Amino acid sequence: MSRMTAAIGIGGGTNSTTITIEATRPTLIPVLELLAQQLRSPRFDPEDLERLKKERSVGYEIAGGNPVSAAEV
């Protein structure tokens, strides 16, 4: 991506998805093609997924019985 002088950011929540693109005019089409590939075939590495599960689990433990804190995890 850095060779293209561009950046793609993808984030989301329960009810929304946000995509940001920073690209120069010459790199816009390749960046959009890369974004389309990422959206059609996302990659979920098992190690990353396991790490996220552990992080969430710790967050729930820290939240204890507080439903508002648990919802923010």
PDB file of N, CA and C in Angstrom:
ATOM      1  N   MET A   1       0.819  -1.185   0.000  1.00  0.00           N
ATOM      2  CA  MET A   1       0.000   0.000   0.000  1.00  0.00           C
ATOM      3  C   MET A   1       0.869   1.257   0.000  1.00  0.00           C
ATOM      4  N   SER A   2       1.946   1.248   0.754  1.00  0.00           N
ATOM      5  CA  SER A   2       2.780   2.445   0.821  1.00  0.00           C
ATOM      6  C   SER A   2       3.424   2.767  -0.527  1.00  0.00           C
ATOM      7  N   ARG A   3       3.638   1.758  -1.368  1.00  0.00           N
ATOM      8  CA  ARG A   3       4.192   2.011  -2.698  1.00  0.00           C
ATOM      9  C   ARG A   3       3.207   2.788  -3.557  1.00  0.00           C
ATOM     10  N   MET A   4       1.919   2.702  -3.219  1.00  0.00           N
ATOM     11  CA  MET A   4       0.898   3.415  -3.976  1.00  0.00           C
ATOM     12  C   MET A   4       0.706   4.837  -3.465  1.00  0.00           C
ATOM     13  N   THR A   5       1.338   5.215  -2.381  1.00  0.00           N
ATOM     14  CA  THR A   5       1.118   6.508  -1.748  1.00  0.00           C
ATOM     15  C   THR A   5      -0.365   6.676  -1.438  1.00  0.00           C
ATOM     16  N   ALA A   6      -0.892   5.723  -0.696  1.00  0.00           N
ATOM     17  CA  ALA A   6      -2.313   5.743  -0.372  1.00  0.00           C
ATOM     18  C   ALA A   6      -2.537   5.051   0.963  1.00  0.00           C
ATOM     19  N   ALA A   7      -3.742   5.254   1.502  1.00  0.00           N
ATOM     20  CA  ALA A   7      -4.107   4.594   2.755  1.00  0.00           C
ATOM     21  C   ALA A   7      -5.587   4.257   2.716  1.00  0.00           C
ATOM     22  N   ILE A   8      -5.923   3.106   3.302  1.00  0.00           N
ATOM     23  CA  ILE A   8      -7.310   2.684   3.449  1.00  0.00           C
ATOM     24  C   ILE A   8      -7.541   2.417   4.931  1.00  0.00           C
ATOM     25  N   GLY A   9      -8.621   2.941   5.458  1.00  0.00           N
ATOM     26  CA  GLY A   9      -9.005   2.652   6.832  1.00  0.00           C
ATOM     27  C   GLY A   9     -10.413   2.087   6.834  1.00  0.00           C
ATOM     28  N   ILE A  10     -10.604   0.986   7.551  1.00  0.00           N
ATOM     29  CA  ILE A  10     -11.924   0.370   7.645  1.00  0.00           C
ATOM     30  C   ILE A  10     -12.229   0.159   9.116  1.00  0.00           C
ATOM     31  N   GLY A  11     -13.362   0.642   9.552  1.00  0.00           N
ATOM     32  CA  GLY A  11     -13.766   0.463  10.944  1.00  0.00           C
ATOM     33  C   GLY A  11     -15.256   0.228  11.005  1.00  0.00           C
ATOM     34  N   GLY A  12     -15.698  -0.199  12.143  1.00  0.00           N
ATOM     35  CA  GLY A  12     -17.128  -0.438  12.243  1.00  0.00           C
ATOM     36  C   GLY A  12     -17.587  -0.603  13.659  1.00  0.00           C
ATOM     37  N   GLY A  13     -18.868  -0.547  13.802  1.00  0.00           N
ATOM     38  CA  GLY A  13     -19.505  -0.747  15.084  1.00  0.00           C
ATOM     39  C   GLY A  13     -20.704  -1.647  14.897  1.00  0.00           C
ATOM     40  N   THR A  14     -21.581  -1.616  15.845  1.00  0.00           N
ATOM     41  CA  THR A  14     -22.757  -2.456  15.804  1.00  0.00           C
ATOM     42  C   THR A  14     -23.666  -2.120  14.620  1.00  0.00           C
ATOM     43  N   ASN A  15     -23.819  -0.836  14.344  1.00  0.00           N
ATOM     44  CA  ASN A  15     -24.774  -0.429  13.317  1.00  0.00           C
ATOM     45  C   ASN A  15     -24.166   0.374  12.173  1.00  0.00           C
ATOM     46  N   SER A  16     -22.856   0.409  12.081  1.00  0.00           N
ATOM     47  CA  SER A  16     -22.264   1.223  11.027  1.00  0.00           C
ATOM     48  C   SER A  16     -20.909   0.689  10.601  1.00  0.00           C
ATOM     49  N   THR A  17     -20.515   1.090   9.407  1.00  0.00           N
ATOM     50  CA  THR A  17     -19.195   0.791   8.876  1.00  0.00           C
ATOM     51  C   THR A  17     -18.643   2.079   8.292  1.00  0.00           C
ATOM     52  N   THR A  18     -17.370   2.347   8.548  1.00  0.00           N
ATOM     53  CA  THR A  18     -16.736   3.551   8.038  1.00  0.00           C
ATOM     54  C   THR A  18     -15.512   3.156   7.227  1.00  0.00           C
ATOM     55  N   ILE A  19     -15.400   3.713   6.040  1.00  0.00           N
ATOM     56  CA  ILE A  19     -14.249   3.470   5.185  1.00  0.00           C
ATOM     57  C   ILE A  19     -13.670   4.826   4.813  1.00  0.00           C
ATOM     58  N   THR A  20     -12.358   4.972   5.019  1.00  0.00           N
ATOM     59  CA  THR A  20     -11.679   6.195   4.603  1.00  0.00           C
ATOM     60  C   THR A  20     -10.595   5.819   3.605  1.00  0.00           C
ATOM     61  N   ILE A  21     -10.465   6.648   2.598  1.00  0.00           N
ATOM     62  CA  ILE A  21      -9.462   6.420   1.556  1.00  0.00           C
ATOM     63  C   ILE A  21      -8.689   7.717   1.366  1.00  0.00           C
ATOM     64  N   GLU A  22      -7.369   7.601   1.367  1.00  0.00           N
ATOM     65  CA  GLU A  22      -6.502   8.711   1.005  1.00  0.00           C
ATOM     66  C   GLU A  22      -5.652   8.225  -0.152  1.00  0.00           C
ATOM     67  N   ALA A  23      -5.794   8.877  -1.301  1.00  0.00           N
ATOM     68  CA  ALA A  23      -5.067   8.430  -2.486  1.00  0.00           C
ATOM     69  C   ALA A  23      -4.840   9.609  -3.419  1.00  0.00           C
ATOM     70  N   THR A  24      -3.793   9.496  -4.190  1.00  0.00           N
ATOM     71  CA  THR A  24      -3.572  10.477  -5.250  1.00  0.00           C
ATOM     72  C   THR A  24      -4.408  10.041  -6.456  1.00  0.00           C
ATOM     73  N   ARG A  25      -4.630  10.934  -7.346  1.00  0.00           N
ATOM     74  CA  ARG A  25      -5.446  10.614  -8.521  1.00  0.00           C
ATOM     75  C   ARG A  25      -4.927   9.388  -9.281  1.00  0.00           C
ATOM     76  N   PRO A  26      -3.617   9.279  -9.510  1.00  0.00           N
ATOM     77  CA  PRO A  26      -3.123   8.106 -10.256  1.00  0.00           C
ATOM     78  C   PRO A  26      -3.298   6.779  -9.512  1.00  0.00           C
ATOM     79  N   THR A  27      -3.385   6.824  -8.195  1.00  0.00           N
ATOM     80  CA  THR A  27      -3.491   5.571  -7.436  1.00  0.00           C
ATOM     81  C   THR A  27      -4.921   5.239  -7.027  1.00  0.00           C
ATOM     82  N   LEU A  28      -5.873   6.094  -7.355  1.00  0.00           N
ATOM     83  CA  LEU A  28      -7.244   5.880  -6.888  1.00  0.00           C
ATOM     84  C   LEU A  28      -7.845   4.561  -7.377  1.00  0.00           C
ATOM     85  N   ILE A  29      -7.725   4.252  -8.657  1.00  0.00           N
ATOM     86  CA  ILE A  29      -8.312   3.013  -9.188  1.00  0.00           C
ATOM     87  C   ILE A  29      -7.678   1.785  -8.540  1.00  0.00           C
ATOM     88  N   PRO A  30      -6.333   1.682  -8.456  1.00  0.00           N
ATOM     89  CA  PRO A  30      -5.759   0.518  -7.769  1.00  0.00           C
ATOM     90  C   PRO A  30      -6.181   0.418  -6.304  1.00  0.00           C
ATOM     91  N   VAL A  31      -6.321   1.550  -5.649  1.00  0.00           N
ATOM     92  CA  VAL A  31      -6.749   1.547  -4.246  1.00  0.00           C
ATOM     93  C   VAL A  31      -8.188   1.037  -4.136  1.00  0.00           C
ATOM     94  N   LEU A  32      -9.057   1.481  -5.010  1.00  0.00           N
ATOM     95  CA  LEU A  32     -10.441   1.002  -4.992  1.00  0.00           C
ATOM     96  C   LEU A  32     -10.516  -0.488  -5.298  1.00  0.00           C
ATOM     97  N   GLU A  33      -9.661  -0.959  -6.196  1.00  0.00           N
ATOM     98  CA  GLU A  33      -9.619  -2.398  -6.492  1.00  0.00           C
ATOM     99  C   GLU A  33      -9.155  -3.190  -5.268  1.00  0.00           C
ATOM    100  N   LEU A  34      -8.158  -2.678  -4.560  1.00  0.00           N
ATOM    101  CA  LEU A  34      -7.686  -3.333  -3.345  1.00  0.00           C
ATOM    102  C   LEU A  34      -8.770  -3.331  -2.274  1.00  0.00           C
ATOM    103  N   LEU A  35      -9.474  -2.225  -2.127  1.00  0.00           N
ATOM    104  CA  LEU A  35     -10.573  -2.142  -1.166  1.00  0.00           C
ATOM    105  C   LEU A  35     -11.659  -3.160  -1.506  1.00  0.00           C
ATOM    106  N   ALA A  36     -12.015  -3.264  -2.767  1.00  0.00           N
ATOM    107  CA  ALA A  36     -13.033  -4.232  -3.185  1.00  0.00           C
ATOM    108  C   ALA A  36     -12.598  -5.650  -2.842  1.00  0.00           C
ATOM    109  N   GLN A  37     -11.324  -5.951  -3.050  1.00  0.00           N
ATOM    110  CA  GLN A  37     -10.802  -7.281  -2.723  1.00  0.00           C
ATOM    111  C   GLN A  37     -10.901  -7.531  -1.220  1.00  0.00           C
ATOM    112  N   GLN A  38     -10.558  -6.544  -0.407  1.00  0.00           N
ATOM    113  CA  GLN A  38     -10.618  -6.694   1.043  1.00  0.00           C
ATOM    114  C   GLN A  38     -12.057  -6.906   1.519  1.00  0.00           C
ATOM    115  N   LEU A  39     -12.984  -6.211   0.909  1.00  0.00           N
ATOM    116  CA  LEU A  39     -14.389  -6.341   1.316  1.00  0.00           C
ATOM    117  C   LEU A  39     -14.985  -7.678   0.886  1.00  0.00           C
ATOM    118  N   ARG A  40     -14.589  -8.167  -0.281  1.00  0.00           N
ATOM    119  CA  ARG A  40     -15.116  -9.441  -0.770  1.00  0.00           C
ATOM    120  C   ARG A  40     -14.494 -10.643  -0.072  1.00  0.00           C
ATOM    121  N   SER A  41     -13.222 -10.540   0.270  1.00  0.00           N
ATOM    122  CA  SER A  41     -12.500 -11.671   0.862  1.00  0.00           C
ATOM    123  C   SER A  41     -11.680 -11.219   2.071  1.00  0.00           C
ATOM    124  N   PRO A  42     -12.355 -10.871   3.158  1.00  0.00           N
ATOM    125  CA  PRO A  42     -11.591 -10.428   4.332  1.00  0.00           C
ATOM    126  C   PRO A  42     -10.747 -11.566   4.892  1.00  0.00           C
ATOM    127  N   ARG A  43      -9.635 -11.212   5.476  1.00  0.00           N
ATOM    128  CA  ARG A  43      -8.742 -12.212   6.050  1.00  0.00           C
ATOM    129  C   ARG A  43      -8.801 -12.110   7.574  1.00  0.00           C
ATOM    130  N   PHE A  44      -9.074 -13.221   8.211  1.00  0.00           N
ATOM    131  CA  PHE A  44      -9.106 -13.280   9.662  1.00  0.00           C
ATOM    132  C   PHE A  44      -8.064 -14.299  10.100  1.00  0.00           C
ATOM    133  N   ASP A  45      -6.915 -13.814  10.530  1.00  0.00           N
ATOM    134  CA  ASP A  45      -5.877 -14.715  11.018  1.00  0.00           C
ATOM    135  C   ASP A  45      -6.321 -15.311  12.350  1.00  0.00           C
ATOM    136  N   PRO A  46      -6.228 -16.625  12.507  1.00  0.00           N
ATOM    137  CA  PRO A  46      -6.646 -17.276  13.749  1.00  0.00           C
ATOM    138  C   PRO A  46      -5.968 -16.688  14.986  1.00  0.00           C
ATOM    139  N   GLU A  47      -4.692 -16.311  14.863  1.00  0.00           N
ATOM    140  CA  GLU A  47      -3.973 -15.739  16.012  1.00  0.00           C
ATOM    141  C   GLU A  47      -4.578 -14.400  16.416  1.00  0.00           C
ATOM    142  N   ASP A  48      -4.900 -13.563  15.429  1.00  0.00           N
ATOM    143  CA  ASP A  48      -5.497 -12.260  15.722  1.00  0.00           C
ATOM    144  C   ASP A  48      -6.881 -12.421  16.341  1.00  0.00           C
ATOM    145  N   LEU A  49      -7.659 -13.346  15.812  1.00  0.00           N
ATOM    146  CA  LEU A  49      -8.994 -13.582  16.342  1.00  0.00           C
ATOM    147  C   LEU A  49      -8.921 -14.053  17.795  1.00  0.00           C
ATOM    148  N   GLU A  50      -7.992 -14.933  18.086  1.00  0.00           N
ATOM    149  CA  GLU A  50      -7.825 -15.433  19.457  1.00  0.00           C
ATOM    150  C   GLU A  50      -7.391 -14.310  20.395  1.00  0.00           C
ATOM    151  N   ARG A  51      -6.498 -13.443  19.918  1.00  0.00           N
ATOM    152  CA  ARG A  51      -6.048 -12.303  20.725  1.00  0.00           C
ATOM    153  C   ARG A  51      -7.217 -11.378  21.041  1.00  0.00           C
ATOM    154  N   LEU A  52      -8.044 -11.101  20.056  1.00  0.00           N
ATOM    155  CA  LEU A  52      -9.204 -10.234  20.276  1.00  0.00           C
ATOM    156  C   LEU A  52     -10.186 -10.849  21.266  1.00  0.00           C
ATOM    157  N   LYS A  53     -10.394 -12.154  21.183  1.00  0.00           N
ATOM    158  CA  LYS A  53     -11.286 -12.835  22.123  1.00  0.00           C
ATOM    159  C   LYS A  53     -10.773 -12.681  23.549  1.00  0.00           C
ATOM    160  N   LYS A  54      -9.460 -12.845  23.728  1.00  0.00           N
ATOM    161  CA  LYS A  54      -8.871 -12.716  25.064  1.00  0.00           C
ATOM    162  C   LYS A  54      -9.004 -11.287  25.579  1.00  0.00           C
ATOM    163  N   GLU A  55      -8.763 -10.314  24.706  1.00  0.00           N
ATOM    164  CA  GLU A  55      -8.892  -8.910  25.105  1.00  0.00           C
ATOM    165  C   GLU A  55     -10.325  -8.593  25.541  1.00  0.00           C
ATOM    166  N   ARG A  56     -11.290  -9.074  24.792  1.00  0.00           N
ATOM    167  CA  ARG A  56     -12.696  -8.851  25.149  1.00  0.00           C
ATOM    168  C   ARG A  56     -13.039  -9.534  26.457  1.00  0.00           C
ATOM    169  N   SER A  57     -12.535 -10.742  26.645  1.00  0.00           N
ATOM    170  CA  SER A  57     -12.804 -11.489  27.865  1.00  0.00           C
ATOM    171  C   SER A  57     -12.293 -10.730  29.083  1.00  0.00           C
ATOM    172  N   VAL A  58     -11.088 -10.186  28.982  1.00  0.00           N
ATOM    173  CA  VAL A  58     -10.522  -9.397  30.078  1.00  0.00           C
ATOM    174  C   VAL A  58     -11.378  -8.153  30.310  1.00  0.00           C
ATOM    175  N   GLY A  59     -11.825  -7.532  29.235  1.00  0.00           N
ATOM    176  CA  GLY A  59     -12.682  -6.348  29.361  1.00  0.00           C
ATOM    177  C   GLY A  59     -13.973  -6.655  30.093  1.00  0.00           C
ATOM    178  N   TYR A  60     -14.572  -7.801  29.799  1.00  0.00           N
ATOM    179  CA  TYR A  60     -15.804  -8.195  30.484  1.00  0.00           C
ATOM    180  C   TYR A  60     -15.553  -8.450  31.958  1.00  0.00           C
ATOM    181  N   GLU A  61     -14.412  -9.054  32.262  1.00  0.00           N
ATOM    182  CA  GLU A  61     -14.077  -9.313  33.663  1.00  0.00           C
ATOM    183  C   GLU A  61     -13.890  -8.000  34.421  1.00  0.00           C
ATOM    184  N   ILE A  62     -13.218  -7.049  33.795  1.00  0.00           N
ATOM    185  CA  ILE A  62     -12.998  -5.743  34.433  1.00  0.00           C
ATOM    186  C   ILE A  62     -14.323  -5.017  34.628  1.00  0.00           C
ATOM    187  N   ALA A  63     -15.252  -5.149  33.673  1.00  0.00           N
ATOM    188  CA  ALA A  63     -16.554  -4.484  33.770  1.00  0.00           C
ATOM    189  C   ALA A  63     -17.384  -5.036  34.913  1.00  0.00           C
ATOM    190  N   GLY A  64     -17.079  -6.268  35.309  1.00  0.00           N
ATOM    191  CA  GLY A  64     -17.820  -6.867  36.416  1.00  0.00           C
ATOM    192  C   GLY A  64     -19.301  -6.933  36.126  1.00  0.00           C
ATOM    193  N   GLY A  65     -20.101  -6.511  37.072  1.00  0.00           N
ATOM    194  CA  GLY A  65     -21.546  -6.576  36.905  1.00  0.00           C
ATOM    195  C   GLY A  65     -22.152  -5.317  36.326  1.00  0.00           C
ATOM    196  N   ASN A  66     -21.326  -4.379  35.920  1.00  0.00           N
ATOM    197  CA  ASN A  66     -21.832  -3.106  35.402  1.00  0.00           C
ATOM    198  C   ASN A  66     -22.244  -3.271  33.938  1.00  0.00           C
ATOM    199  N   PRO A  67     -23.545  -3.272  33.636  1.00  0.00           N
ATOM    200  CA  PRO A  67     -23.996  -3.512  32.258  1.00  0.00           C
ATOM    201  C   PRO A  67     -23.559  -2.420  31.283  1.00  0.00           C
ATOM    202  N   VAL A  68     -23.440  -1.181  31.748  1.00  0.00           N
ATOM    203  CA  VAL A  68     -23.017  -0.095  30.861  1.00  0.00           C
ATOM    204  C   VAL A  68     -21.565  -0.321  30.467  1.00  0.00           C
ATOM    205  N   SER A  69     -20.706  -0.634  31.415  1.00  0.00           N
ATOM    206  CA  SER A  69     -19.301  -0.893  31.109  1.00  0.00           C
ATOM    207  C   SER A  69     -19.153  -2.119  30.217  1.00  0.00           C
ATOM    208  N   ALA A  70     -19.927  -3.150  30.476  1.00  0.00           N
ATOM    209  CA  ALA A  70     -19.856  -4.373  29.669  1.00  0.00           C
ATOM    210  C   ALA A  70     -20.279  -4.090  28.232  1.00  0.00           C
ATOM    211  N   ALA A  71     -21.262  -3.219  28.040  1.00  0.00           N
ATOM    212  CA  ALA A  71     -21.734  -2.901  26.696  1.00  0.00           C
ATOM    213  C   ALA A  71     -20.678  -2.134  25.904  1.00  0.00           C
ATOM    214  N   GLU A  72     -19.812  -1.406  26.602  1.00  0.00           N
ATOM    215  CA  GLU A  72     -18.772  -0.621  25.927  1.00  0.00           C
ATOM    216  C   GLU A  72     -17.586  -1.470  25.511  1.00  0.00           C
ATOM    217  N   VAL A  73     -17.484  -2.682  26.052  1.00  0.00           N
ATOM    218  CA  VAL A  73     -16.352  -3.559  25.719  1.00  0.00           C
ATOM    219  C   VAL A  73     -16.513  -4.022  24.353  1.00  0.00           C
TER     220      VAL A  73
END
